[in-house]
């Protein structure tokens, strides 16, 4: 089985999945742009272990996209913080509706 390939924002992502000594599946990721490999300048964390090839492949592609967005795109913020702000906004709108007003403070 060859690597899974993905294209994202002009970059090519190749995810090679292998089984480690414990029998779990892990993803190894390579990036390139215009046919030239990118130098791996960002730190690699401990790779998560997955039960299936499909899970490891999906995680590898998602991780690669996050890294590219953080290094070369607009996503330099925390996804956790974004979800927290969205959750707080939704809760405030729900509370506002309970008080009898609609969105944007109109009755």
C-alpha atoms as a PDB file:
ATOM      1  CA  UNK A   1       0.000   0.000   0.000  1.00  0.00           C
ATOM      2  CA  UNK A   2       1.389   3.390  -1.008  1.00  0.00           C
ATOM      3  CA  UNK A   3       1.062   6.676   0.839  1.00  0.00           C
ATOM      4  CA  UNK A   4      -2.229   8.544   1.027  1.00  0.00           C
ATOM      5  CA  UNK A   5      -1.938  11.807  -0.879  1.00  0.00           C
ATOM      6  CA  UNK A   6      -3.688  15.095  -0.198  1.00  0.00           C
ATOM      7  CA  UNK A   7      -3.410  18.590  -1.669  1.00  0.00           C
ATOM      8  CA  UNK A   8      -3.980  21.583   0.594  1.00  0.00           C
ATOM      9  CA  UNK A   9      -3.343  25.294  -0.123  1.00  0.00           C
ATOM     10  CA  UNK A  10      -0.782  24.530  -2.810  1.00  0.00           C
ATOM     11  CA  UNK A  11       1.074  21.957  -0.746  1.00  0.00           C
ATOM     12  CA  UNK A  12       1.221  18.219  -1.311  1.00  0.00           C
ATOM     13  CA  UNK A  13       0.872  15.952   1.698  1.00  0.00           C
ATOM     14  CA  UNK A  14       1.940  12.314   1.708  1.00  0.00           C
ATOM     15  CA  UNK A  15       0.872  10.184   4.665  1.00  0.00           C
ATOM     16  CA  UNK A  16       2.602   6.837   5.046  1.00  0.00           C
ATOM     17  CA  UNK A  17       1.079   4.573   7.683  1.00  0.00           C
ATOM     18  CA  UNK A  18       3.072   1.872   9.427  1.00  0.00           C
ATOM     19  CA  UNK A  19       2.503  -0.512  12.283  1.00  0.00           C
ATOM     20  CA  UNK A  20       4.738  -0.025  15.311  1.00  0.00           C
ATOM     21  CA  UNK A  21       6.196  -2.652  17.626  1.00  0.00           C
ATOM     22  CA  UNK A  22       3.012  -2.658  19.752  1.00  0.00           C
ATOM     23  CA  UNK A  23       0.800  -3.389  16.753  1.00  0.00           C
ATOM     24  CA  UNK A  24      -0.702   0.113  16.621  1.00  0.00           C
ATOM     25  CA  UNK A  25      -0.823   2.193  13.446  1.00  0.00           C
ATOM     26  CA  UNK A  26       1.034   5.526  13.240  1.00  0.00           C
ATOM     27  CA  UNK A  27       1.300   8.085  10.457  1.00  0.00           C
ATOM     28  CA  UNK A  28       4.480   9.543   9.001  1.00  0.00           C
ATOM     29  CA  UNK A  29       3.930  12.754   7.065  1.00  0.00           C
ATOM     30  CA  UNK A  30       5.934  14.398   4.276  1.00  0.00           C
ATOM     31  CA  UNK A  31       5.201  17.814   2.770  1.00  0.00           C
ATOM     32  CA  UNK A  32       6.189  19.261  -0.579  1.00  0.00           C
ATOM     33  CA  UNK A  33       5.419  22.327  -2.667  1.00  0.00           C
ATOM     34  CA  UNK A  34       5.954  22.529  -6.411  1.00  0.00           C
ATOM     35  CA  UNK A  35       7.636  19.127  -6.291  1.00  0.00           C
ATOM     36  CA  UNK A  36      10.234  20.202  -3.729  1.00  0.00           C
ATOM     37  CA  UNK A  37      10.190  18.622  -0.255  1.00  0.00           C
ATOM     38  CA  UNK A  38       9.719  21.019   2.634  1.00  0.00           C
ATOM     39  CA  UNK A  39      12.366  20.972   5.311  1.00  0.00           C
ATOM     40  CA  UNK A  40      10.810  19.711   8.502  1.00  0.00           C
ATOM     41  CA  UNK A  41      11.375  22.728  10.746  1.00  0.00           C
ATOM     42  CA  UNK A  42       8.460  22.263  13.131  1.00  0.00           C
ATOM     43  CA  UNK A  43       8.710  19.970  16.130  1.00  0.00           C
ATOM     44  CA  UNK A  44       7.085  16.572  15.927  1.00  0.00           C
ATOM     45  CA  UNK A  45       5.126  15.484  18.923  1.00  0.00           C
ATOM     46  CA  UNK A  46       4.648  11.919  20.014  1.00  0.00           C
ATOM     47  CA  UNK A  47       2.526  10.280  17.351  1.00  0.00           C
ATOM     48  CA  UNK A  48      -0.848   8.989  18.483  1.00  0.00           C
ATOM     49  CA  UNK A  49      -1.455   5.291  17.979  1.00  0.00           C
ATOM     50  CA  UNK A  50      -4.509   4.073  16.097  1.00  0.00           C
ATOM     51  CA  UNK A  51      -6.304   0.737  15.804  1.00  0.00           C
ATOM     52  CA  UNK A  52      -6.776   0.951  12.025  1.00  0.00           C
ATOM     53  CA  UNK A  53      -4.934   2.202   8.964  1.00  0.00           C
ATOM     54  CA  UNK A  54      -7.876   4.464   8.118  1.00  0.00           C
ATOM     55  CA  UNK A  55      -7.771   6.211  11.510  1.00  0.00           C
ATOM     56  CA  UNK A  56      -4.022   6.782  11.286  1.00  0.00           C
ATOM     57  CA  UNK A  57      -4.342   8.127   7.738  1.00  0.00           C
ATOM     58  CA  UNK A  58      -7.155  10.529   8.670  1.00  0.00           C
ATOM     59  CA  UNK A  59      -5.213  11.781  11.682  1.00  0.00           C
ATOM     60  CA  UNK A  60      -2.070  12.255   9.599  1.00  0.00           C
ATOM     61  CA  UNK A  61      -3.896  14.360   7.016  1.00  0.00           C
ATOM     62  CA  UNK A  62      -5.652  16.447   9.685  1.00  0.00           C
ATOM     63  CA  UNK A  63      -2.366  17.011  11.542  1.00  0.00           C
ATOM     64  CA  UNK A  64      -0.599  18.005   8.323  1.00  0.00           C
ATOM     65  CA  UNK A  65      -3.322  20.510   7.412  1.00  0.00           C
ATOM     66  CA  UNK A  66      -3.189  22.080  10.898  1.00  0.00           C
ATOM     67  CA  UNK A  67       0.596  22.421  10.675  1.00  0.00           C
ATOM     68  CA  UNK A  68       0.398  24.043   7.251  1.00  0.00           C
ATOM     69  CA  UNK A  69      -2.292  26.476   8.387  1.00  0.00           C
ATOM     70  CA  UNK A  70      -0.248  27.400  11.462  1.00  0.00           C
ATOM     71  CA  UNK A  71       3.006  27.813   9.535  1.00  0.00           C
ATOM     72  CA  UNK A  72       1.744  29.329   6.268  1.00  0.00           C
ATOM     73  CA  UNK A  73      -1.879  30.339   6.780  1.00  0.00           C
ATOM     74  CA  UNK A  74      -4.165  32.261   9.043  1.00  0.00           C
ATOM     75  CA  UNK A  75      -4.734  29.696  11.793  1.00  0.00           C
ATOM     76  CA  UNK A  76      -2.187  30.874  14.342  1.00  0.00           C
ATOM     77  CA  UNK A  77      -4.815  30.851  17.072  1.00  0.00           C
ATOM     78  CA  UNK A  78      -6.063  28.072  19.277  1.00  0.00           C
ATOM     79  CA  UNK A  79      -8.943  25.932  17.983  1.00  0.00           C
ATOM     80  CA  UNK A  80      -9.935  25.337  21.600  1.00  0.00           C
ATOM     81  CA  UNK A  81     -10.250  29.078  22.206  1.00  0.00           C
ATOM     82  CA  UNK A  82     -12.296  29.480  19.023  1.00  0.00           C
ATOM     83  CA  UNK A  83     -14.715  26.744  20.081  1.00  0.00           C
ATOM     84  CA  UNK A  84     -14.961  28.283  23.562  1.00  0.00           C
ATOM     85  CA  UNK A  85     -15.832  31.720  22.125  1.00  0.00           C
ATOM     86  CA  UNK A  86     -18.436  30.162  19.816  1.00  0.00           C
ATOM     87  CA  UNK A  87     -19.950  28.207  22.688  1.00  0.00           C
ATOM     88  CA  UNK A  88     -20.137  31.331  24.866  1.00  0.00           C
ATOM     89  CA  UNK A  89     -21.797  33.288  22.034  1.00  0.00           C
ATOM     90  CA  UNK A  90     -24.411  30.566  21.461  1.00  0.00           C
ATOM     91  CA  UNK A  91     -25.161  30.394  25.191  1.00  0.00           C
ATOM     92  CA  UNK A  92     -25.588  34.177  25.373  1.00  0.00           C
ATOM     93  CA  UNK A  93     -28.040  34.053  22.456  1.00  0.00           C
ATOM     94  CA  UNK A  94     -29.999  31.225  24.091  1.00  0.00           C
ATOM     95  CA  UNK A  95     -30.162  33.208  27.344  1.00  0.00           C
ATOM     96  CA  UNK A  96     -31.252  36.320  25.447  1.00  0.00           C
ATOM     97  CA  UNK A  97     -34.093  34.414  23.777  1.00  0.00           C
ATOM     98  CA  UNK A  98     -35.253  33.137  27.167  1.00  0.00           C
ATOM     99  CA  UNK A  99     -35.491  36.790  28.261  1.00  0.00           C
ATOM    100  CA  UNK A 100     -37.864  37.503  25.347  1.00  0.00           C
ATOM    101  CA  UNK A 101     -35.541  39.178  22.901  1.00  0.00           C
ATOM    102  CA  UNK A 102     -34.367  37.834  19.576  1.00  0.00           C
ATOM    103  CA  UNK A 103     -30.955  38.000  17.978  1.00  0.00           C
ATOM    104  CA  UNK A 104     -29.292  41.415  17.958  1.00  0.00           C
ATOM    105  CA  UNK A 105     -31.443  42.594  20.871  1.00  0.00           C
ATOM    106  CA  UNK A 106     -34.650  43.066  18.884  1.00  0.00           C
ATOM    107  CA  UNK A 107     -37.956  41.984  20.389  1.00  0.00           C
END
